[in-house]
Amino acid sequence: MLPSPIDIHACAHFIKDLFLVAKVRNKSIKIGVVANRTRATTKVYDSLIRFLNSLDIEFIGALKDSQSYVHASQDGISVVELRNSLASKNKRQWNEIVNWINV
């Protein structure tokens, strides 16, 4: 999800439906959120973290707002296939997400 008031509001409704309609809390299903196109120094990022903490939803990680994604898409590859040092942070972020999924 994007760290914006509109996306936080939409995510709240989605999570409510997961808990009430799908009743995922009663099953051993992992629920986590990945913030997309983030800048950790912004107020809205802090709002996102407070929102997730208030619902006891796991914050898996954040994909930074990075030009690496633009460069990768221009070359028709994923960001983890980029061969420059600027993409190394993006690769680490993706590794954290994949590791969470695989646990």
N, C-alpha and C. Protein backbone atom coordinates (compact mmCIF):
# COMPACT_ATOMS: atom_id res chain seq x y z
N MET A 1 0.82 -1.17 0.00
CA MET A 1 0.00 0.00 0.00
C MET A 1 0.88 1.24 0.00
N LEU A 2 0.35 2.31 -0.53
CA LEU A 2 1.07 3.58 -0.50
C LEU A 2 0.83 4.26 0.83
N PRO A 3 1.81 4.97 1.34
CA PRO A 3 1.62 5.67 2.60
C PRO A 3 0.92 7.01 2.38
N SER A 4 -0.38 6.96 2.16
CA SER A 4 -1.17 8.17 1.98
C SER A 4 -2.46 8.02 2.76
N PRO A 5 -3.08 9.12 3.15
CA PRO A 5 -4.34 9.01 3.90
C PRO A 5 -5.41 8.21 3.16
N ILE A 6 -5.52 8.39 1.86
CA ILE A 6 -6.54 7.66 1.08
C ILE A 6 -6.24 6.16 1.11
N ASP A 7 -4.98 5.77 0.93
CA ASP A 7 -4.62 4.36 0.92
C ASP A 7 -4.73 3.74 2.31
N ILE A 8 -4.40 4.50 3.34
CA ILE A 8 -4.56 3.98 4.70
C ILE A 8 -6.03 3.72 4.98
N HIS A 9 -6.89 4.63 4.57
CA HIS A 9 -8.34 4.46 4.75
C HIS A 9 -8.84 3.22 3.99
N ALA A 10 -8.42 3.07 2.74
CA ALA A 10 -8.83 1.90 1.94
C ALA A 10 -8.30 0.61 2.56
N CYS A 11 -7.08 0.65 3.05
CA CYS A 11 -6.49 -0.54 3.68
C CYS A 11 -7.26 -0.91 4.95
N ALA A 12 -7.71 0.09 5.69
CA ALA A 12 -8.48 -0.18 6.91
C ALA A 12 -9.75 -0.95 6.58
N HIS A 13 -10.43 -0.54 5.52
CA HIS A 13 -11.65 -1.24 5.10
C HIS A 13 -11.34 -2.66 4.62
N PHE A 14 -10.26 -2.81 3.90
CA PHE A 14 -9.86 -4.13 3.42
C PHE A 14 -9.54 -5.07 4.59
N ILE A 15 -8.78 -4.57 5.55
CA ILE A 15 -8.42 -5.38 6.71
C ILE A 15 -9.66 -5.72 7.53
N LYS A 16 -10.57 -4.76 7.66
CA LYS A 16 -11.82 -5.03 8.37
C LYS A 16 -12.57 -6.17 7.70
N ASP A 17 -12.64 -6.15 6.38
CA ASP A 17 -13.31 -7.24 5.66
C ASP A 17 -12.58 -8.57 5.85
N LEU A 18 -11.27 -8.54 5.89
CA LEU A 18 -10.52 -9.78 6.13
C LEU A 18 -10.87 -10.36 7.49
N PHE A 19 -10.95 -9.51 8.49
CA PHE A 19 -11.22 -9.98 9.85
C PHE A 19 -12.67 -10.39 10.04
N LEU A 20 -13.60 -9.60 9.49
CA LEU A 20 -15.01 -9.85 9.74
C LEU A 20 -15.64 -10.83 8.75
N VAL A 21 -15.38 -10.65 7.48
CA VAL A 21 -16.01 -11.47 6.45
C VAL A 21 -15.25 -12.78 6.26
N ALA A 22 -13.95 -12.67 6.04
CA ALA A 22 -13.14 -13.87 5.81
C ALA A 22 -12.72 -14.54 7.11
N LYS A 23 -12.84 -13.83 8.21
CA LYS A 23 -12.50 -14.36 9.54
C LYS A 23 -11.09 -14.95 9.58
N VAL A 24 -10.13 -14.21 9.01
CA VAL A 24 -8.77 -14.72 8.95
C VAL A 24 -8.09 -14.79 10.31
N ARG A 25 -8.57 -14.08 11.30
CA ARG A 25 -7.97 -14.15 12.63
C ARG A 25 -8.18 -15.53 13.24
N ASN A 26 -9.22 -16.23 12.79
CA ASN A 26 -9.51 -17.55 13.34
C ASN A 26 -8.68 -18.64 12.67
N LYS A 27 -7.96 -18.31 11.66
CA LYS A 27 -7.13 -19.28 10.94
C LYS A 27 -5.68 -18.88 11.11
N SER A 28 -4.81 -19.77 10.82
CA SER A 28 -3.38 -19.44 10.94
C SER A 28 -2.87 -18.86 9.63
N ILE A 29 -3.44 -17.74 9.26
CA ILE A 29 -3.05 -17.04 8.04
C ILE A 29 -2.27 -15.80 8.43
N LYS A 30 -1.10 -15.64 7.84
CA LYS A 30 -0.28 -14.47 8.13
C LYS A 30 -0.82 -13.27 7.35
N ILE A 31 -0.89 -12.14 8.02
CA ILE A 31 -1.27 -10.90 7.37
C ILE A 31 -0.17 -9.89 7.64
N GLY A 32 0.31 -9.29 6.58
CA GLY A 32 1.33 -8.26 6.72
C GLY A 32 1.15 -7.23 5.64
N VAL A 33 1.74 -6.09 5.85
CA VAL A 33 1.62 -4.98 4.90
C VAL A 33 3.01 -4.55 4.44
N VAL A 34 3.11 -4.28 3.16
CA VAL A 34 4.32 -3.71 2.57
C VAL A 34 3.96 -2.31 2.11
N ALA A 35 4.71 -1.35 2.58
CA ALA A 35 4.52 0.03 2.14
C ALA A 35 5.27 0.22 0.83
N ASN A 36 4.62 0.85 -0.12
CA ASN A 36 5.19 1.02 -1.45
C ASN A 36 5.47 2.50 -1.72
N ARG A 37 6.59 2.76 -2.38
CA ARG A 37 6.99 4.12 -2.76
C ARG A 37 7.03 5.04 -1.54
N THR A 38 7.83 4.63 -0.55
CA THR A 38 7.86 5.35 0.71
C THR A 38 9.09 6.22 0.86
N ARG A 39 8.94 7.18 1.74
CA ARG A 39 10.06 7.99 2.23
C ARG A 39 9.88 8.04 3.74
N ALA A 40 10.79 7.38 4.45
CA ALA A 40 10.62 7.17 5.89
C ALA A 40 10.64 8.46 6.70
N THR A 41 11.07 9.54 6.13
CA THR A 41 11.17 10.79 6.88
C THR A 41 9.91 11.65 6.79
N THR A 42 8.83 11.10 6.25
CA THR A 42 7.61 11.90 6.08
C THR A 42 6.60 11.63 7.20
N LYS A 43 5.72 12.58 7.42
CA LYS A 43 4.68 12.44 8.44
C LYS A 43 3.70 11.34 8.08
N VAL A 44 3.39 11.20 6.80
CA VAL A 44 2.42 10.18 6.38
C VAL A 44 2.99 8.77 6.59
N TYR A 45 4.29 8.61 6.48
CA TYR A 45 4.91 7.32 6.78
C TYR A 45 4.73 6.98 8.25
N ASP A 46 4.93 7.98 9.11
CA ASP A 46 4.70 7.78 10.54
C ASP A 46 3.25 7.41 10.82
N SER A 47 2.32 8.05 10.09
CA SER A 47 0.90 7.73 10.25
C SER A 47 0.61 6.29 9.86
N LEU A 48 1.23 5.82 8.81
CA LEU A 48 1.06 4.44 8.37
C LEU A 48 1.53 3.47 9.46
N ILE A 49 2.69 3.72 10.01
CA ILE A 49 3.23 2.84 11.06
C ILE A 49 2.31 2.84 12.28
N ARG A 50 1.82 4.02 12.69
CA ARG A 50 0.89 4.09 13.83
C ARG A 50 -0.39 3.32 13.53
N PHE A 51 -0.90 3.45 12.31
CA PHE A 51 -2.11 2.74 11.90
C PHE A 51 -1.92 1.23 12.01
N LEU A 52 -0.83 0.73 11.47
CA LEU A 52 -0.58 -0.72 11.50
C LEU A 52 -0.39 -1.21 12.93
N ASN A 53 0.32 -0.45 13.73
CA ASN A 53 0.51 -0.83 15.13
C ASN A 53 -0.81 -0.86 15.89
N SER A 54 -1.70 0.07 15.58
CA SER A 54 -2.98 0.12 16.28
C SER A 54 -3.84 -1.11 15.97
N LEU A 55 -3.65 -1.71 14.81
CA LEU A 55 -4.40 -2.90 14.42
C LEU A 55 -3.65 -4.19 14.69
N ASP A 56 -2.44 -4.06 15.20
CA ASP A 56 -1.59 -5.22 15.45
C ASP A 56 -1.35 -6.01 14.16
N ILE A 57 -1.13 -5.27 13.06
CA ILE A 57 -0.82 -5.86 11.76
C ILE A 57 0.69 -5.77 11.56
N GLU A 58 1.27 -6.85 11.11
CA GLU A 58 2.72 -6.86 10.92
C GLU A 58 3.14 -5.98 9.75
N PHE A 59 4.10 -5.13 10.01
CA PHE A 59 4.70 -4.30 8.96
C PHE A 59 5.90 -5.07 8.43
N ILE A 60 5.76 -5.59 7.22
CA ILE A 60 6.80 -6.45 6.63
C ILE A 60 8.00 -5.64 6.20
N GLY A 61 7.74 -4.52 5.55
CA GLY A 61 8.84 -3.69 5.08
C GLY A 61 8.33 -2.59 4.19
N ALA A 62 9.28 -1.82 3.71
CA ALA A 62 8.96 -0.68 2.86
C ALA A 62 9.81 -0.71 1.61
N LEU A 63 9.16 -0.48 0.50
CA LEU A 63 9.87 -0.32 -0.77
C LEU A 63 10.01 1.17 -1.00
N LYS A 64 11.23 1.63 -1.00
CA LYS A 64 11.50 3.06 -1.10
C LYS A 64 11.12 3.61 -2.47
N ASP A 65 10.80 4.89 -2.47
CA ASP A 65 10.53 5.61 -3.72
C ASP A 65 11.88 5.80 -4.40
N SER A 66 12.16 4.99 -5.42
CA SER A 66 13.50 4.92 -5.99
C SER A 66 13.46 4.93 -7.52
N GLN A 67 14.45 5.58 -8.09
CA GLN A 67 14.58 5.59 -9.55
C GLN A 67 15.05 4.24 -10.08
N SER A 68 15.50 3.36 -9.20
CA SER A 68 15.93 2.03 -9.66
C SER A 68 14.79 1.30 -10.36
N TYR A 69 13.56 1.51 -9.89
CA TYR A 69 12.42 0.86 -10.52
C TYR A 69 12.19 1.40 -11.93
N VAL A 70 12.42 2.67 -12.12
CA VAL A 70 12.28 3.28 -13.45
C VAL A 70 13.34 2.70 -14.38
N HIS A 71 14.57 2.65 -13.91
CA HIS A 71 15.66 2.11 -14.74
C HIS A 71 15.43 0.64 -15.09
N ALA A 72 14.96 -0.12 -14.11
CA ALA A 72 14.71 -1.54 -14.36
C ALA A 72 13.61 -1.72 -15.39
N SER A 73 12.53 -0.96 -15.25
CA SER A 73 11.42 -1.12 -16.21
C SER A 73 11.82 -0.69 -17.61
N GLN A 74 12.69 0.31 -17.72
CA GLN A 74 13.16 0.73 -19.04
C GLN A 74 13.96 -0.38 -19.72
N ASP A 75 14.65 -1.18 -18.91
CA ASP A 75 15.45 -2.28 -19.45
C ASP A 75 14.67 -3.58 -19.52
N GLY A 76 13.41 -3.57 -19.05
CA GLY A 76 12.59 -4.76 -19.09
C GLY A 76 13.02 -5.83 -18.10
N ILE A 77 13.58 -5.41 -16.97
CA ILE A 77 14.04 -6.35 -15.96
C ILE A 77 13.47 -5.95 -14.60
N SER A 78 13.66 -6.81 -13.62
CA SER A 78 13.23 -6.46 -12.26
C SER A 78 14.35 -5.70 -11.57
N VAL A 79 14.01 -5.06 -10.48
CA VAL A 79 15.01 -4.27 -9.76
C VAL A 79 16.10 -5.15 -9.17
N VAL A 80 15.81 -6.38 -8.85
CA VAL A 80 16.84 -7.27 -8.31
C VAL A 80 17.85 -7.71 -9.37
N GLU A 81 17.53 -7.48 -10.64
CA GLU A 81 18.45 -7.82 -11.72
C GLU A 81 19.38 -6.67 -12.09
N LEU A 82 19.15 -5.49 -11.53
CA LEU A 82 20.02 -4.36 -11.81
C LEU A 82 21.41 -4.63 -11.27
N ARG A 83 22.40 -4.13 -11.95
CA ARG A 83 23.78 -4.43 -11.57
C ARG A 83 24.52 -3.18 -11.04
N ASN A 84 23.79 -2.26 -10.44
CA ASN A 84 24.47 -1.09 -9.90
C ASN A 84 24.30 -1.01 -8.39
N SER A 85 25.16 -0.25 -7.77
CA SER A 85 25.15 -0.17 -6.30
C SER A 85 23.91 0.55 -5.78
N LEU A 86 23.30 1.40 -6.59
CA LEU A 86 22.11 2.11 -6.16
C LEU A 86 20.94 1.16 -5.92
N ALA A 87 20.92 0.06 -6.61
CA ALA A 87 19.82 -0.90 -6.46
C ALA A 87 20.03 -1.85 -5.29
N SER A 88 21.18 -1.81 -4.63
CA SER A 88 21.45 -2.77 -3.55
C SER A 88 20.46 -2.60 -2.40
N LYS A 89 20.07 -1.38 -2.06
CA LYS A 89 19.08 -1.18 -1.01
C LYS A 89 17.73 -1.78 -1.40
N ASN A 90 17.36 -1.60 -2.67
CA ASN A 90 16.10 -2.16 -3.16
C ASN A 90 16.12 -3.68 -3.09
N LYS A 91 17.25 -4.26 -3.42
CA LYS A 91 17.37 -5.72 -3.36
C LYS A 91 17.21 -6.22 -1.93
N ARG A 92 17.81 -5.52 -0.97
CA ARG A 92 17.68 -5.91 0.44
C ARG A 92 16.22 -5.82 0.89
N GLN A 93 15.52 -4.78 0.45
CA GLN A 93 14.11 -4.63 0.81
C GLN A 93 13.29 -5.80 0.28
N TRP A 94 13.55 -6.19 -0.95
CA TRP A 94 12.82 -7.32 -1.53
C TRP A 94 13.18 -8.62 -0.82
N ASN A 95 14.43 -8.78 -0.44
CA ASN A 95 14.84 -9.99 0.29
C ASN A 95 14.09 -10.11 1.61
N GLU A 96 13.91 -9.00 2.32
CA GLU A 96 13.15 -9.02 3.58
C GLU A 96 11.72 -9.50 3.36
N ILE A 97 11.10 -9.03 2.29
CA ILE A 97 9.72 -9.41 1.99
C ILE A 97 9.64 -10.89 1.62
N VAL A 98 10.53 -11.33 0.77
CA VAL A 98 10.54 -12.74 0.34
C VAL A 98 10.81 -13.64 1.55
N ASN A 99 11.72 -13.25 2.41
CA ASN A 99 12.01 -14.05 3.60
C ASN A 99 10.77 -14.15 4.50
N TRP A 100 10.01 -13.08 4.65
CA TRP A 100 8.80 -13.10 5.46
C TRP A 100 7.78 -14.08 4.86
N ILE A 101 7.64 -14.05 3.55
CA ILE A 101 6.70 -14.94 2.86
C ILE A 101 7.10 -16.41 3.05
N ASN A 102 8.40 -16.68 3.00
CA ASN A 102 8.89 -18.05 3.06
C ASN A 102 8.89 -18.65 4.47
N VAL A 103 8.68 -17.84 5.49
CA VAL A 103 8.69 -18.38 6.87
C VAL A 103 7.38 -19.03 7.18
